[in-house]
Amino acid sequence: LSPWSIRDGWRMNGTLRRTLRLAHSDQIHEVLVEYRGDGFAATVSDQRFALRGSLTNNSALTATINGLTTHSTLIRAHGDLTIFNGYGSYTYTLIDPLASSAAQTTTDAGMLAPMPGLVINLFVKPGERVERGAPLLTLEAMKMEYTIKAPSAGSVQAFFFAPGDQVSDGVQLLSFEPAAQEDR
């Protein structure tokens, strides 16, 4: 086995620590993960957990958390991780610090195109109420599709382009109004 293909977090003279940001139910949770030789240590809100686990067939997750073993199914879809187990189902979105922030960029005026491309689909009508993460508009560039999603519950006030329109990088695509706090 090549040392370049091992993903155990080994570091010479130190421990690899990484902070993961997960979105769940309109809240952001920060998880400090420390890679250990025998598993991981995770700290969430000043609570520390000893973790070990394995993922088989890309969906069967066996995890040991502070000595308690649990079996779950893990589904990855559209940037979300959903865990199904005997306690229920939980959906998390991993916030990638290296991903284009344009997908999450909103201004008072609207949302911006993350790249030049062709508008290929509008998913909602102006004024229609949407939940956080709902697809609003899809762009195509160089044979790849990029979907602009709702940053929060709210509604699209207006689209500034129609399917078939070419847009440039950074142009305002739509006007989005977040729902009032009591409406969420």
Protein backbone atom coordinates (compact mmCIF):
# COMPACT_ATOMS: atom_id res chain seq x y z
CA LEU A 1 0.00 0.00 0.00
CA SER A 2 1.43 3.34 -1.07
CA PRO A 3 1.87 5.94 1.71
CA TRP A 4 0.30 8.48 -0.66
CA SER A 5 -3.01 6.61 -0.70
CA ILE A 6 -3.35 6.24 3.10
CA ARG A 7 -5.89 8.69 4.50
CA ASP A 8 -5.37 8.32 8.23
CA GLY A 9 -4.31 11.92 8.87
CA TRP A 10 -0.77 10.99 9.92
CA ARG A 11 1.57 13.95 10.35
CA MET A 12 5.21 13.94 11.34
CA ASN A 13 5.69 15.62 14.73
CA GLY A 14 2.04 16.43 15.27
CA THR A 15 -1.64 15.64 15.07
CA LEU A 16 -3.77 16.69 12.13
CA ARG A 17 -6.68 18.83 13.32
CA ARG A 18 -9.40 20.00 11.01
CA THR A 19 -12.53 22.03 11.71
CA LEU A 20 -15.58 20.90 9.77
CA ARG A 21 -18.57 23.19 9.40
CA LEU A 22 -21.91 21.42 9.05
CA ALA A 23 -25.28 23.04 8.41
CA HIS A 24 -28.31 21.35 10.00
CA SER A 25 -31.78 22.84 10.56
CA ASP A 26 -30.64 26.40 9.73
CA GLN A 27 -27.79 26.18 12.25
CA ILE A 28 -24.05 25.93 11.63
CA HIS A 29 -22.17 23.41 13.78
CA GLU A 30 -18.38 23.44 14.02
CA VAL A 31 -16.72 20.09 14.68
CA LEU A 32 -13.01 19.96 15.54
CA VAL A 33 -11.72 16.59 14.29
CA GLU A 34 -8.36 15.22 15.42
CA TYR A 35 -6.95 12.28 13.48
CA ARG A 36 -5.56 9.62 15.85
CA GLY A 37 -3.83 6.35 15.02
CA ASP A 38 -6.80 4.37 16.37
CA GLY A 39 -9.62 6.59 15.12
CA PHE A 40 -10.65 10.17 15.64
CA ALA A 41 -11.46 12.57 18.43
CA ALA A 42 -14.22 15.09 17.75
CA THR A 43 -15.15 18.13 19.79
CA VAL A 44 -18.59 19.71 19.36
CA SER A 45 -19.74 22.52 21.68
CA ASP A 46 -17.15 21.58 24.35
CA GLN A 47 -18.21 17.91 24.27
CA ARG A 48 -15.47 15.47 23.25
CA PHE A 49 -16.15 12.16 21.50
CA ALA A 50 -13.88 9.21 20.66
CA LEU A 51 -14.82 7.95 17.19
CA ARG A 52 -14.02 4.94 15.04
CA GLY A 53 -15.87 3.81 11.98
CA SER A 54 -16.01 2.22 8.60
CA LEU A 55 -18.04 2.89 5.49
CA THR A 56 -18.78 -0.02 3.16
CA ASN A 57 -20.55 -0.05 -0.19
CA ASN A 58 -20.53 3.76 0.01
CA SER A 59 -23.59 3.68 2.26
CA ALA A 60 -23.32 1.22 5.20
CA LEU A 61 -21.75 3.09 8.13
CA THR A 62 -20.63 1.32 11.30
CA ALA A 63 -19.49 3.82 13.92
CA THR A 64 -18.29 3.50 17.50
CA ILE A 65 -18.87 6.69 19.48
CA ASN A 66 -17.45 6.70 23.03
CA GLY A 67 -17.60 2.90 23.03
CA LEU A 68 -21.20 2.60 21.75
CA THR A 69 -21.46 0.96 18.31
CA THR A 70 -24.22 2.00 15.93
CA HIS A 71 -25.12 0.92 12.40
CA SER A 72 -26.44 3.50 9.96
CA THR A 73 -27.01 4.14 6.30
CA LEU A 74 -25.30 7.20 4.85
CA ILE A 75 -26.67 8.79 1.67
CA ARG A 76 -24.76 11.53 -0.16
CA ALA A 77 -26.80 13.63 -2.56
CA HIS A 78 -26.48 17.19 -3.86
CA GLY A 79 -23.88 18.15 -1.27
CA ASP A 80 -25.94 16.80 1.63
CA LEU A 81 -25.21 13.87 3.92
CA THR A 82 -28.26 12.08 5.32
CA ILE A 83 -27.81 9.52 8.09
CA PHE A 84 -30.55 6.95 8.74
CA ASN A 85 -30.40 4.83 11.90
CA GLY A 86 -32.57 3.53 14.73
CA TYR A 87 -32.78 7.03 16.21
CA GLY A 88 -34.20 8.69 13.07
CA SER A 89 -32.75 10.51 10.07
CA TYR A 90 -30.47 13.52 10.09
CA THR A 91 -29.41 15.66 7.12
CA TYR A 92 -26.23 17.75 7.20
CA THR A 93 -24.62 19.94 4.58
CA LEU A 94 -20.83 20.07 4.69
CA ILE A 95 -19.75 23.67 4.16
CA ASP A 96 -16.68 23.53 1.96
CA PRO A 97 -14.38 26.49 2.74
CA LEU A 98 -12.74 26.12 -0.68
CA ALA A 99 -15.97 26.03 -2.68
CA SER A 100 -17.03 29.06 -4.61
CA SER A 101 -18.74 31.40 -2.22
CA ALA A 102 -20.85 32.64 -5.09
CA ALA A 103 -23.32 29.81 -4.55
CA GLN A 104 -23.97 31.19 -1.09
CA THR A 105 -23.56 34.86 -1.96
CA THR A 106 -26.56 37.06 -1.48
CA THR A 107 -26.80 40.78 -1.40
CA ASP A 108 -29.73 43.03 -0.69
CA ALA A 109 -30.22 43.26 -4.44
CA GLY A 110 -30.04 39.56 -5.31
CA MET A 111 -27.80 36.66 -6.18
CA LEU A 112 -24.78 36.66 -8.47
CA ALA A 113 -23.61 34.29 -11.22
CA PRO A 114 -20.63 32.24 -10.03
CA MET A 115 -19.33 31.90 -13.61
CA PRO A 116 -20.20 32.87 -17.17
CA GLY A 117 -22.74 30.49 -18.63
CA LEU A 118 -26.10 29.77 -20.18
CA VAL A 119 -29.31 29.89 -18.11
CA ILE A 120 -30.97 26.54 -18.75
CA ASN A 121 -33.73 26.30 -16.14
CA LEU A 122 -35.80 28.38 -13.72
CA PHE A 123 -37.29 26.19 -10.99
CA VAL A 124 -39.77 28.59 -9.35
CA LYS A 125 -42.05 31.44 -10.29
CA PRO A 126 -41.49 34.95 -8.91
CA GLY A 127 -43.26 35.33 -5.58
CA GLU A 128 -43.28 31.57 -4.87
CA ARG A 129 -42.14 30.71 -1.34
CA VAL A 130 -39.13 28.35 -1.10
CA GLU A 131 -37.22 26.67 1.70
CA ARG A 132 -33.48 26.91 2.30
CA GLY A 133 -31.56 24.86 -0.29
CA ALA A 134 -34.38 24.78 -2.86
CA PRO A 135 -33.07 24.98 -6.45
CA LEU A 136 -33.84 28.35 -8.05
CA LEU A 137 -31.92 28.50 -11.34
CA THR A 138 -29.46 26.33 -13.27
CA LEU A 139 -26.53 27.59 -15.33
CA GLU A 140 -24.54 25.54 -17.82
CA ALA A 141 -20.89 26.24 -18.60
CA MET A 142 -18.45 23.98 -20.45
CA LYS A 143 -20.84 20.99 -20.29
CA MET A 144 -21.24 21.35 -16.50
CA GLU A 145 -24.40 22.41 -14.70
CA TYR A 146 -24.41 24.65 -11.65
CA THR A 147 -27.59 25.14 -9.60
CA ILE A 148 -28.19 28.32 -7.62
CA LYS A 149 -30.02 27.41 -4.41
CA ALA A 150 -32.02 29.44 -1.93
CA PRO A 151 -29.72 30.64 0.87
CA SER A 152 -32.65 30.65 3.32
CA ALA A 153 -36.41 30.35 3.39
CA GLY A 154 -37.92 33.17 1.34
CA SER A 155 -39.05 33.98 -2.17
CA VAL A 156 -37.66 35.03 -5.54
CA GLN A 157 -38.89 38.52 -6.30
CA ALA A 158 -37.72 38.50 -9.94
CA PHE A 159 -35.48 36.63 -12.37
CA PHE A 160 -33.34 38.90 -14.56
CA PHE A 161 -32.67 36.26 -17.22
CA ALA A 162 -34.71 33.58 -19.01
CA PRO A 163 -33.71 30.09 -20.16
CA GLY A 164 -31.42 30.43 -23.18
CA ASP A 165 -29.86 33.72 -22.02
CA GLN A 166 -26.06 33.95 -21.79
CA VAL A 167 -24.78 35.56 -18.56
CA SER A 168 -21.36 36.79 -17.50
CA ASP A 169 -19.50 36.09 -14.28
CA GLY A 170 -20.75 38.11 -11.30
CA VAL A 171 -23.95 39.39 -12.92
CA GLN A 172 -27.06 39.60 -10.73
CA LEU A 173 -29.31 36.66 -11.65
CA LEU A 174 -32.32 37.22 -9.47
CA SER A 175 -33.73 39.18 -6.58
CA PHE A 176 -34.28 37.05 -3.47
CA GLU A 177 -36.11 38.15 -0.35
CA PRO A 178 -35.51 36.12 2.82
CA ALA A 179 -38.62 35.21 4.83
CA ALA A 180 -39.35 37.26 7.91
CA GLN A 181 -38.05 35.62 11.10
CA GLU A 182 -41.57 34.69 12.27
CA ASP A 183 -42.31 33.01 8.89
CA ARG A 184 -39.39 30.56 9.12
